[in-house]
């Protein structure tokens, strides 16, 4: 009976949910009406990697992600129409794999984010792999941290 009550509460008419996916190439948002079991609004904002001639480098400016999130959400809520924003009762967020966003002591971004697909730290990954009982690949954050310390 308790599960039925929770389910009824979550799918009550008028309640909407906002889903946000911050990916490598875009941020997407959707508004879901649980009572209708339907997506009622969508938004998306695309972006690129920062240009670089360095082999293996894959970086983005985290400010671009924040801007894209706001823009995609506004678009999805507008697409849903009416008072959708005031009816949101839950938000789900998913994002890219293990990337590195370096912050200073004031929590300000200090450099472009190194994405999961950045392999510029291959030398550091090989070095770490020799000293650890498990292999470390260049896409993991550990090798990126060592790279950052050195550069």
C-alpha atoms as a PDB file:
ATOM      1  CA  UNK A   1       0.000   0.000   0.000  1.00  0.00           C
ATOM      2  CA  UNK A   2       2.868   2.363   0.806  1.00  0.00           C
ATOM      3  CA  UNK A   3       4.473   1.796  -2.616  1.00  0.00           C
ATOM      4  CA  UNK A   4       1.135   2.465  -4.301  1.00  0.00           C
ATOM      5  CA  UNK A   5       0.839   5.732  -2.359  1.00  0.00           C
ATOM      6  CA  UNK A   6       4.343   6.814  -3.403  1.00  0.00           C
ATOM      7  CA  UNK A   7       3.637   5.904  -7.032  1.00  0.00           C
ATOM      8  CA  UNK A   8       0.348   7.809  -6.965  1.00  0.00           C
ATOM      9  CA  UNK A   9       2.121  10.847  -5.508  1.00  0.00           C
ATOM     10  CA  UNK A  10       4.841  10.750  -8.177  1.00  0.00           C
ATOM     11  CA  UNK A  11       2.431  10.459 -11.101  1.00  0.00           C
ATOM     12  CA  UNK A  12      -0.268  12.804  -9.858  1.00  0.00           C
ATOM     13  CA  UNK A  13      -1.799  14.904 -12.635  1.00  0.00           C
ATOM     14  CA  UNK A  14       0.064  18.134 -13.216  1.00  0.00           C
ATOM     15  CA  UNK A  15       3.455  16.974 -11.960  1.00  0.00           C
ATOM     16  CA  UNK A  16       6.347  17.246 -14.377  1.00  0.00           C
ATOM     17  CA  UNK A  17       9.960  16.092 -14.268  1.00  0.00           C
ATOM     18  CA  UNK A  18      12.988  17.709 -15.881  1.00  0.00           C
ATOM     19  CA  UNK A  19      15.747  15.524 -17.284  1.00  0.00           C
ATOM     20  CA  UNK A  20      19.144  16.982 -18.210  1.00  0.00           C
ATOM     21  CA  UNK A  21      21.949  15.188 -20.062  1.00  0.00           C
ATOM     22  CA  UNK A  22      25.244  17.060 -20.374  1.00  0.00           C
ATOM     23  CA  UNK A  23      27.184  15.183 -23.032  1.00  0.00           C
ATOM     24  CA  UNK A  24      30.418  15.624 -24.930  1.00  0.00           C
ATOM     25  CA  UNK A  25      28.722  17.211 -27.956  1.00  0.00           C
ATOM     26  CA  UNK A  26      25.570  18.770 -26.521  1.00  0.00           C
ATOM     27  CA  UNK A  27      23.342  19.280 -23.523  1.00  0.00           C
ATOM     28  CA  UNK A  28      19.811  18.015 -23.856  1.00  0.00           C
ATOM     29  CA  UNK A  29      16.814  18.633 -21.602  1.00  0.00           C
ATOM     30  CA  UNK A  30      13.344  17.185 -21.590  1.00  0.00           C
ATOM     31  CA  UNK A  31      10.176  17.655 -19.617  1.00  0.00           C
ATOM     32  CA  UNK A  32       8.344  14.450 -18.773  1.00  0.00           C
ATOM     33  CA  UNK A  33       4.715  14.182 -17.687  1.00  0.00           C
ATOM     34  CA  UNK A  34       4.528  11.001 -15.591  1.00  0.00           C
ATOM     35  CA  UNK A  35       0.737  10.918 -15.539  1.00  0.00           C
ATOM     36  CA  UNK A  36       0.629  10.984 -19.351  1.00  0.00           C
ATOM     37  CA  UNK A  37       3.798   8.867 -19.602  1.00  0.00           C
ATOM     38  CA  UNK A  38       4.994  11.251 -22.277  1.00  0.00           C
ATOM     39  CA  UNK A  39       7.740  13.724 -23.039  1.00  0.00           C
ATOM     40  CA  UNK A  40       6.020  17.098 -23.338  1.00  0.00           C
ATOM     41  CA  UNK A  41       9.020  19.370 -23.948  1.00  0.00           C
ATOM     42  CA  UNK A  42      12.506  19.116 -25.444  1.00  0.00           C
ATOM     43  CA  UNK A  43      15.530  21.365 -25.719  1.00  0.00           C
ATOM     44  CA  UNK A  44      19.109  20.903 -26.919  1.00  0.00           C
ATOM     45  CA  UNK A  45      22.234  23.005 -27.323  1.00  0.00           C
ATOM     46  CA  UNK A  46      25.276  21.738 -29.245  1.00  0.00           C
ATOM     47  CA  UNK A  47      28.886  22.695 -28.635  1.00  0.00           C
ATOM     48  CA  UNK A  48      32.355  21.775 -29.832  1.00  0.00           C
ATOM     49  CA  UNK A  49      35.722  20.839 -28.398  1.00  0.00           C
ATOM     50  CA  UNK A  50      38.250  23.641 -28.089  1.00  0.00           C
ATOM     51  CA  UNK A  51      40.452  23.727 -31.167  1.00  0.00           C
ATOM     52  CA  UNK A  52      43.955  22.376 -30.673  1.00  0.00           C
ATOM     53  CA  UNK A  53      46.901  21.104 -32.690  1.00  0.00           C
ATOM     54  CA  UNK A  54      48.067  18.954 -29.762  1.00  0.00           C
ATOM     55  CA  UNK A  55      47.649  15.236 -30.423  1.00  0.00           C
ATOM     56  CA  UNK A  56      45.227  13.626 -27.986  1.00  0.00           C
ATOM     57  CA  UNK A  57      43.931  16.866 -26.484  1.00  0.00           C
ATOM     58  CA  UNK A  58      40.159  17.004 -25.971  1.00  0.00           C
ATOM     59  CA  UNK A  59      39.056  19.992 -23.902  1.00  0.00           C
ATOM     60  CA  UNK A  60      36.010  22.160 -23.361  1.00  0.00           C
ATOM     61  CA  UNK A  61      35.234  25.289 -21.379  1.00  0.00           C
ATOM     62  CA  UNK A  62      32.945  24.294 -18.458  1.00  0.00           C
ATOM     63  CA  UNK A  63      31.185  27.685 -18.736  1.00  0.00           C
ATOM     64  CA  UNK A  64      29.857  26.466 -22.093  1.00  0.00           C
ATOM     65  CA  UNK A  65      28.211  23.513 -20.314  1.00  0.00           C
ATOM     66  CA  UNK A  66      26.523  25.771 -17.761  1.00  0.00           C
ATOM     67  CA  UNK A  67      25.229  28.108 -20.462  1.00  0.00           C
ATOM     68  CA  UNK A  68      24.025  25.152 -22.548  1.00  0.00           C
ATOM     69  CA  UNK A  69      22.224  23.653 -19.544  1.00  0.00           C
ATOM     70  CA  UNK A  70      20.288  26.867 -18.897  1.00  0.00           C
ATOM     71  CA  UNK A  71      19.472  27.336 -22.578  1.00  0.00           C
ATOM     72  CA  UNK A  72      18.367  23.702 -23.096  1.00  0.00           C
ATOM     73  CA  UNK A  73      16.180  23.822 -19.967  1.00  0.00           C
ATOM     74  CA  UNK A  74      14.540  27.088 -21.013  1.00  0.00           C
ATOM     75  CA  UNK A  75      13.885  25.602 -24.458  1.00  0.00           C
ATOM     76  CA  UNK A  76      12.379  22.398 -23.023  1.00  0.00           C
ATOM     77  CA  UNK A  77      10.180  24.314 -20.583  1.00  0.00           C
ATOM     78  CA  UNK A  78       8.998  26.672 -23.326  1.00  0.00           C
ATOM     79  CA  UNK A  79       8.272  23.653 -25.541  1.00  0.00           C
ATOM     80  CA  UNK A  80       6.208  22.121 -22.721  1.00  0.00           C
ATOM     81  CA  UNK A  81       4.181  25.339 -22.610  1.00  0.00           C
ATOM     82  CA  UNK A  82       2.131  27.112 -20.011  1.00  0.00           C
ATOM     83  CA  UNK A  83       3.276  26.940 -16.426  1.00  0.00           C
ATOM     84  CA  UNK A  84       5.606  23.964 -16.898  1.00  0.00           C
ATOM     85  CA  UNK A  85       8.423  25.500 -14.854  1.00  0.00           C
ATOM     86  CA  UNK A  86       6.223  25.844 -11.767  1.00  0.00           C
ATOM     87  CA  UNK A  87       5.061  22.227 -12.087  1.00  0.00           C
ATOM     88  CA  UNK A  88       8.522  20.623 -12.042  1.00  0.00           C
ATOM     89  CA  UNK A  89       8.712  18.381  -8.975  1.00  0.00           C
ATOM     90  CA  UNK A  90      11.923  16.513  -9.707  1.00  0.00           C
ATOM     91  CA  UNK A  91      15.128  16.855 -11.704  1.00  0.00           C
ATOM     92  CA  UNK A  92      17.402  14.117 -13.003  1.00  0.00           C
ATOM     93  CA  UNK A  93      20.894  14.860 -14.308  1.00  0.00           C
ATOM     94  CA  UNK A  94      23.405  12.759 -16.215  1.00  0.00           C
ATOM     95  CA  UNK A  95      26.738  13.823 -17.578  1.00  0.00           C
ATOM     96  CA  UNK A  96      29.933  12.902 -19.328  1.00  0.00           C
ATOM     97  CA  UNK A  97      32.269  10.267 -18.029  1.00  0.00           C
ATOM     98  CA  UNK A  98      35.350  11.034 -15.973  1.00  0.00           C
ATOM     99  CA  UNK A  99      36.558  14.427 -17.042  1.00  0.00           C
ATOM    100  CA  UNK A 100      38.733  16.803 -15.078  1.00  0.00           C
ATOM    101  CA  UNK A 101      37.568  20.284 -14.147  1.00  0.00           C
ATOM    102  CA  UNK A 102      40.382  21.955 -12.195  1.00  0.00           C
ATOM    103  CA  UNK A 103      39.317  24.555  -9.623  1.00  0.00           C
ATOM    104  CA  UNK A 104      41.208  27.029  -7.455  1.00  0.00           C
ATOM    105  CA  UNK A 105      40.693  27.574  -3.711  1.00  0.00           C
ATOM    106  CA  UNK A 106      37.668  29.779  -4.499  1.00  0.00           C
ATOM    107  CA  UNK A 107      36.103  27.020  -6.646  1.00  0.00           C
ATOM    108  CA  UNK A 108      36.731  28.961  -9.846  1.00  0.00           C
ATOM    109  CA  UNK A 109      37.649  27.055 -13.004  1.00  0.00           C
ATOM    110  CA  UNK A 110      41.360  27.575 -13.725  1.00  0.00           C
ATOM    111  CA  UNK A 111      41.711  25.918 -17.132  1.00  0.00           C
ATOM    112  CA  UNK A 112      39.654  24.137 -19.786  1.00  0.00           C
ATOM    113  CA  UNK A 113      38.225  20.778 -18.716  1.00  0.00           C
ATOM    114  CA  UNK A 114      40.089  17.704 -19.932  1.00  0.00           C
ATOM    115  CA  UNK A 115      37.397  15.362 -21.230  1.00  0.00           C
ATOM    116  CA  UNK A 116      37.110  11.601 -20.823  1.00  0.00           C
ATOM    117  CA  UNK A 117      38.374  11.171 -24.396  1.00  0.00           C
ATOM    118  CA  UNK A 118      41.499  13.313 -23.829  1.00  0.00           C
ATOM    119  CA  UNK A 119      44.605  11.122 -24.157  1.00  0.00           C
ATOM    120  CA  UNK A 120      47.242  13.825 -23.833  1.00  0.00           C
ATOM    121  CA  UNK A 121      48.284  12.207 -20.533  1.00  0.00           C
ATOM    122  CA  UNK A 122      49.321   8.896 -22.164  1.00  0.00           C
ATOM    123  CA  UNK A 123      52.892   9.232 -20.846  1.00  0.00           C
ATOM    124  CA  UNK A 124      51.608   9.787 -17.297  1.00  0.00           C
ATOM    125  CA  UNK A 125      49.206   6.840 -17.650  1.00  0.00           C
ATOM    126  CA  UNK A 126      52.059   4.538 -18.669  1.00  0.00           C
ATOM    127  CA  UNK A 127      54.130   5.762 -15.738  1.00  0.00           C
ATOM    128  CA  UNK A 128      51.291   5.217 -13.252  1.00  0.00           C
ATOM    129  CA  UNK A 129      50.586   1.781 -14.687  1.00  0.00           C
ATOM    130  CA  UNK A 130      54.153   0.703 -13.895  1.00  0.00           C
ATOM    131  CA  UNK A 131      53.807   1.669 -10.241  1.00  0.00           C
ATOM    132  CA  UNK A 132      50.258   0.460  -9.566  1.00  0.00           C
ATOM    133  CA  UNK A 133      48.779  -3.057  -9.514  1.00  0.00           C
ATOM    134  CA  UNK A 134      46.177  -2.090 -12.132  1.00  0.00           C
ATOM    135  CA  UNK A 135      46.604  -0.529 -15.556  1.00  0.00           C
ATOM    136  CA  UNK A 136      45.756   3.162 -15.873  1.00  0.00           C
ATOM    137  CA  UNK A 137      44.586   4.399 -19.235  1.00  0.00           C
ATOM    138  CA  UNK A 138      45.051   7.963 -20.451  1.00  0.00           C
ATOM    139  CA  UNK A 139      41.335   8.663 -20.355  1.00  0.00           C
ATOM    140  CA  UNK A 140      41.230   8.163 -16.561  1.00  0.00           C
ATOM    141  CA  UNK A 141      41.396  11.173 -14.261  1.00  0.00           C
ATOM    142  CA  UNK A 142      44.468   9.955 -12.344  1.00  0.00           C
ATOM    143  CA  UNK A 143      46.779  10.384 -15.326  1.00  0.00           C
ATOM    144  CA  UNK A 144      45.204  13.763 -16.108  1.00  0.00           C
ATOM    145  CA  UNK A 145      45.951  14.962 -12.546  1.00  0.00           C
ATOM    146  CA  UNK A 146      49.590  13.985 -12.898  1.00  0.00           C
ATOM    147  CA  UNK A 147      49.695  15.683 -16.324  1.00  0.00           C
ATOM    148  CA  UNK A 148      48.184  18.840 -14.803  1.00  0.00           C
ATOM    149  CA  UNK A 149      50.766  18.861 -12.002  1.00  0.00           C
ATOM    150  CA  UNK A 150      53.536  18.758 -14.612  1.00  0.00           C
ATOM    151  CA  UNK A 151      52.066  21.312 -17.008  1.00  0.00           C
END
